[in-house]
C-alpha atoms as a PDB file:
ATOM      1  CA  MET A   1      65.457 -33.265 119.417  1.00  0.00           C
ATOM      2  CA  PRO A   2      67.808 -30.418 120.230  1.00  0.00           C
ATOM      3  CA  GLN A   3      65.690 -27.737 118.411  1.00  0.00           C
ATOM      4  CA  LEU A   4      62.865 -28.105 120.895  1.00  0.00           C
ATOM      5  CA  ASP A   5      65.057 -28.093 123.958  1.00  0.00           C
ATOM      6  CA  PHE A   6      63.776 -25.499 126.403  1.00  0.00           C
ATOM      7  CA  LEU A   7      67.280 -24.415 127.415  1.00  0.00           C
ATOM      8  CA  ILE A   8      68.233 -23.509 123.826  1.00  0.00           C
ATOM      9  CA  ILE A   9      64.949 -21.763 122.855  1.00  0.00           C
ATOM     10  CA  LEU A  10      64.678 -19.502 125.913  1.00  0.00           C
ATOM     11  CA  PRO A  11      67.797 -17.326 125.268  1.00  0.00           C
ATOM     12  CA  GLN A  12      66.911 -17.042 121.572  1.00  0.00           C
ATOM     13  CA  VAL A  13      63.387 -15.844 122.380  1.00  0.00           C
ATOM     14  CA  PHE A  14      64.778 -13.416 124.966  1.00  0.00           C
ATOM     15  CA  TRP A  15      67.241 -11.840 122.498  1.00  0.00           C
ATOM     16  CA  LEU A  16      64.583 -11.761 119.807  1.00  0.00           C
ATOM     17  CA  ILE A  17      62.235  -9.787 122.061  1.00  0.00           C
ATOM     18  CA  CYS A  18      65.033  -7.445 123.193  1.00  0.00           C
ATOM     19  CA  LEU A  19      66.277  -6.675 119.676  1.00  0.00           C
ATOM     20  CA  PHE A  20      62.747  -6.301 118.267  1.00  0.00           C
ATOM     21  CA  SER A  21      61.754  -3.863 121.036  1.00  0.00           C
ATOM     22  CA  PHE A  22      65.031  -1.913 120.584  1.00  0.00           C
ATOM     23  CA  PHE A  23      64.489  -1.541 116.802  1.00  0.00           C
ATOM     24  CA  TYR A  24      60.831  -0.686 117.385  1.00  0.00           C
ATOM     25  CA  PHE A  25      61.642   2.162 119.780  1.00  0.00           C
ATOM     26  CA  VAL A  26      64.457   3.476 117.582  1.00  0.00           C
ATOM     27  CA  LEU A  27      62.168   3.507 114.539  1.00  0.00           C
ATOM     28  CA  ALA A  28      59.146   4.861 116.410  1.00  0.00           C
ATOM     29  CA  TYR A  29      60.886   7.648 118.336  1.00  0.00           C
ATOM     30  CA  TYR A  30      63.694   8.639 115.979  1.00  0.00           C
ATOM     31  CA  PHE A  31      62.894   7.873 112.351  1.00  0.00           C
ATOM     32  CA  LEU A  32      59.101   8.266 112.414  1.00  0.00           C
ATOM     33  CA  PRO A  33      59.241  11.977 113.485  1.00  0.00           C
ATOM     34  CA  LEU A  34      61.759  12.634 110.694  1.00  0.00           C
ATOM     35  CA  PHE A  35      59.446  11.035 108.161  1.00  0.00           C
ATOM     36  CA  LEU A  36      56.468  12.997 109.495  1.00  0.00           C
ATOM     37  CA  LYS A  37      58.435  16.257 109.288  1.00  0.00           C
ATOM     38  CA  THR A  38      59.323  15.632 105.658  1.00  0.00           C
ATOM     39  CA  ILE A  39      55.715  14.720 104.830  1.00  0.00           C
ATOM     40  CA  LYS A  40      54.407  17.881 106.532  1.00  0.00           C
ATOM     41  CA  ALA A  41      57.049  19.969 104.760  1.00  0.00           C
ATOM     42  CA  ARG A  42      56.024  18.498 101.407  1.00  0.00           C
ATOM     43  CA  ILE A  43      52.334  19.175 102.118  1.00  0.00           C
ATOM     44  CA  ASN A  44      53.122  22.793 103.074  1.00  0.00           C
ATOM     45  CA  PHE A  45      55.306  23.168  99.986  1.00  0.00           C
ATOM     46  CA  ILE A  46      52.483  21.896  97.771  1.00  0.00           C
ATOM     47  CA  LYS A  47      49.960  24.258  99.426  1.00  0.00           C
ATOM     48  CA  ILE A  48      52.262  27.256  98.955  1.00  0.00           C
ATOM     49  CA  ASN A  49      52.846  26.289  95.317  1.00  0.00           C
ATOM     50  CA  GLN A  50      49.088  25.942  94.724  1.00  0.00           C
ATOM     51  CA  ILE A  51      48.460  29.413  96.191  1.00  0.00           C
ATOM     52  CA  PHE A  52      51.274  30.879  94.103  1.00  0.00           C
ATOM     53  CA  GLU A  53      49.947  29.108  90.993  1.00  0.00           C
ATOM     54  CA  ALA A  54      46.427  30.469  91.594  1.00  0.00           C
ATOM     55  CA  GLN A  55      47.829  34.009  91.919  1.00  0.00           C
ATOM     56  CA  ILE A  56      49.857  33.656  88.724  1.00  0.00           C
ATOM     57  CA  ILE A  57      46.859  32.245  86.842  1.00  0.00           C
ATOM     58  CA  SER A  58      44.581  35.071  88.000  1.00  0.00           C
ATOM     59  CA  THR A  59      47.097  37.780  87.045  1.00  0.00           C
ATOM     60  CA  THR A  60      47.710  36.074  83.701  1.00  0.00           C
ATOM     61  CA  ILE A  61      43.977  35.928  82.972  1.00  0.00           C
ATOM     62  CA  GLU A  62      43.582  39.592  83.923  1.00  0.00           C
ATOM     63  CA  ASN A  63      46.506  40.591  81.686  1.00  0.00           C
ATOM     64  CA  HIS A  64      45.077  38.424  78.913  1.00  0.00           C
ATOM     65  CA  GLN A  65      41.676  40.137  79.179  1.00  0.00           C
ATOM     66  CA  ILE A  66      43.250  43.601  79.250  1.00  0.00           C
ATOM     67  CA  THR A  67      45.329  42.746  76.184  1.00  0.00           C
ATOM     68  CA  PHE A  68      42.263  41.473  74.329  1.00  0.00           C
ATOM     69  CA  LYS A  69      40.315  44.620  75.212  1.00  0.00           C
ATOM     70  CA  ASN A  70      43.152  46.814  73.954  1.00  0.00           C
ATOM     71  CA  LEU A  71      43.499  44.701  70.829  1.00  0.00           C
ATOM     72  CA  ASN A  72      39.762  44.855  70.124  1.00  0.00           C
ATOM     73  CA  ASN A  73      39.758  48.623  70.631  1.00  0.00           C
ATOM     74  CA  SER A  74      42.720  49.012  68.279  1.00  0.00           C
ATOM     75  CA  LEU A  75      41.146  46.753  65.675  1.00  0.00           C
ATOM     76  CA  ASP A  76      37.879  48.697  65.907  1.00  0.00           C
ATOM     77  CA  LYS A  77      39.782  51.928  65.341  1.00  0.00           C
ATOM     78  CA  ILE A  78      41.653  50.430  62.380  1.00  0.00           C
ATOM     79  CA  ARG A  79      38.434  49.013  60.941  1.00  0.00           C
ATOM     80  CA  SER A  80      36.648  52.350  61.253  1.00  0.00           C
ATOM     81  CA  LEU A  81      39.605  54.200  59.718  1.00  0.00           C
ATOM     82  CA  LEU A  82      39.792  51.761  56.832  1.00  0.00           C
ATOM     83  CA  PHE A  83      36.070  51.896  56.240  1.00  0.00           C
ATOM     84  CA  ILE A  84      35.780  55.680  56.495  1.00  0.00           C
ATOM     85  CA  LYS A  85      39.021  56.716  54.799  1.00  0.00           C
ATOM     86  CA  LEU A  86      39.535  54.084  52.132  1.00  0.00           C
ATOM     87  CA  PHE A  87      36.170  52.699  51.143  1.00  0.00           C
ATOM     88  CA  HIS A  88      34.122  55.889  51.011  1.00  0.00           C
ATOM     89  CA  LEU A  89      36.208  57.794  48.536  1.00  0.00           C
ATOM     90  CA  LYS A  90      34.192  59.369  45.778  1.00  0.00           C
ATOM     91  CA  PHE A  91      35.802  59.793  42.393  1.00  0.00           C
ATOM     92  CA  HIS A  92      34.319  62.222  39.928  1.00  0.00           C
ATOM     93  CA  PHE A  93      35.525  61.646  36.417  1.00  0.00           C
ATOM     94  CA  THR A  94      34.596  63.953  33.583  1.00  0.00           C
ATOM     95  CA  LYS A  95      35.374  61.195  31.184  1.00  0.00           C
ATOM     96  CA  LYS A  96      34.887  57.516  31.953  1.00  0.00           C
ATOM     97  CA  PRO A  97      38.406  56.109  32.160  1.00  0.00           C
ATOM     98  CA  PHE A  98      37.498  52.415  32.154  1.00  0.00           C
ATOM     99  CA  LYS A  99      35.127  50.048  30.458  1.00  0.00           C
ATOM    100  CA  LYS A 100      31.877  49.226  32.198  1.00  0.00           C
ATOM    101  CA  THR A 101      32.796  45.571  32.810  1.00  0.00           C
ATOM    102  CA  PHE A 102      36.062  46.595  34.446  1.00  0.00           C
ATOM    103  CA  LEU A 103      34.199  48.963  36.772  1.00  0.00           C
ATOM    104  CA  VAL A 104      31.685  46.245  37.688  1.00  0.00           C
ATOM    105  CA  LEU A 105      34.517  43.842  38.464  1.00  0.00           C
ATOM    106  CA  ASN A 106      36.263  46.470  40.600  1.00  0.00           C
ATOM    107  CA  LYS A 107      33.007  47.159  42.421  1.00  0.00           C
ATOM    108  CA  LYS A 108      32.558  43.443  43.218  1.00  0.00           C
ATOM    109  CA  ILE A 109      36.133  43.164  44.474  1.00  0.00           C
ATOM    110  CA  LEU A 110      35.697  46.312  46.557  1.00  0.00           C
ATOM    111  CA  ILE A 111      32.461  45.012  48.109  1.00  0.00           C
ATOM    112  CA  ALA A 112      34.005  41.605  48.888  1.00  0.00           C
ATOM    113  CA  SER A 113      37.148  43.132  50.406  1.00  0.00           C
ATOM    114  CA  THR A 114      35.016  45.610  52.401  1.00  0.00           C
ATOM    115  CA  HIS A 115      32.996  42.767  53.845  1.00  0.00           C
ATOM    116  CA  SER A 116      36.078  40.724  54.607  1.00  0.00           C
ATOM    117  CA  PHE A 117      37.832  43.658  56.312  1.00  0.00           C
ATOM    118  CA  CYS A 118      34.834  44.968  58.183  1.00  0.00           C
ATOM    119  CA  PHE A 119      33.169  41.731  59.131  1.00  0.00           C
ATOM    120  CA  CYS A 120      36.135  39.354  59.020  1.00  0.00           C
ATOM    121  CA  ASN A 121      34.198  37.079  56.693  1.00  0.00           C
ATOM    122  CA  SER A 122      36.535  34.425  55.387  1.00  0.00           C
ATOM    123  CA  ILE A 123      33.849  32.908  53.124  1.00  0.00           C
ATOM    124  CA  LEU A 124      33.635  36.088  51.089  1.00  0.00           C
ATOM    125  CA  LEU A 125      37.393  36.344  50.891  1.00  0.00           C
ATOM    126  CA  ASN A 126      37.689  32.732  49.755  1.00  0.00           C
ATOM    127  CA  SER A 127      34.988  33.262  47.120  1.00  0.00           C
ATOM    128  CA  LEU A 128      37.353  35.500  45.128  1.00  0.00           C
ATOM    129  CA  LYS A 129      39.461  33.442  42.784  1.00  0.00           C
ATOM    130  CA  PHE A 130      42.602  35.033  41.407  1.00  0.00           C
ATOM    131  CA  TYR A 131      44.661  33.348  38.748  1.00  0.00           C
ATOM    132  CA  PRO A 132      47.951  34.337  37.177  1.00  0.00           C
ATOM    133  CA  GLY A 133      47.708  35.774  33.670  1.00  0.00           C
ATOM    134  CA  PHE A 134      49.688  33.017  31.958  1.00  0.00           C
ATOM    135  CA  LEU A 135      47.022  30.394  32.810  1.00  0.00           C
ATOM    136  CA  ASN A 136      44.461  32.234  30.649  1.00  0.00           C
ATOM    137  CA  LYS A 137      41.616  31.208  32.926  1.00  0.00           C
ATOM    138  CA  LYS A 138      38.374  33.100  32.801  1.00  0.00           C
ATOM    139  CA  THR A 139      36.228  33.346  35.894  1.00  0.00           C
END
């Protein structure tokens, strides 16, 4: 059999070992350092991005908290102004201008709107039912 002839196999094995060792050294000493450099560069890039992201998140949270504090202070001022200026007005009539039932209804609406403005109570606000006049509904 010519495939198993020692004279034919020996040069093929020699060239196989030579070419394999050549490709191995080229890959190990040329391409592998390039791959390692790109991997290290990617790792450093990711670390820098994580640090930058943490800084942005911390500044955003601080700005968010400052904005909420300012907003709460402004809303407290508005709430106190509304409560003091608008809801504590005293009217002194010499003659009663309205019927008693109308005044009771206005008082209930005023109390409900005061609670909804001052305490942000949506249940009280939703408890008021307003209907257009053409429906002729009575509450």
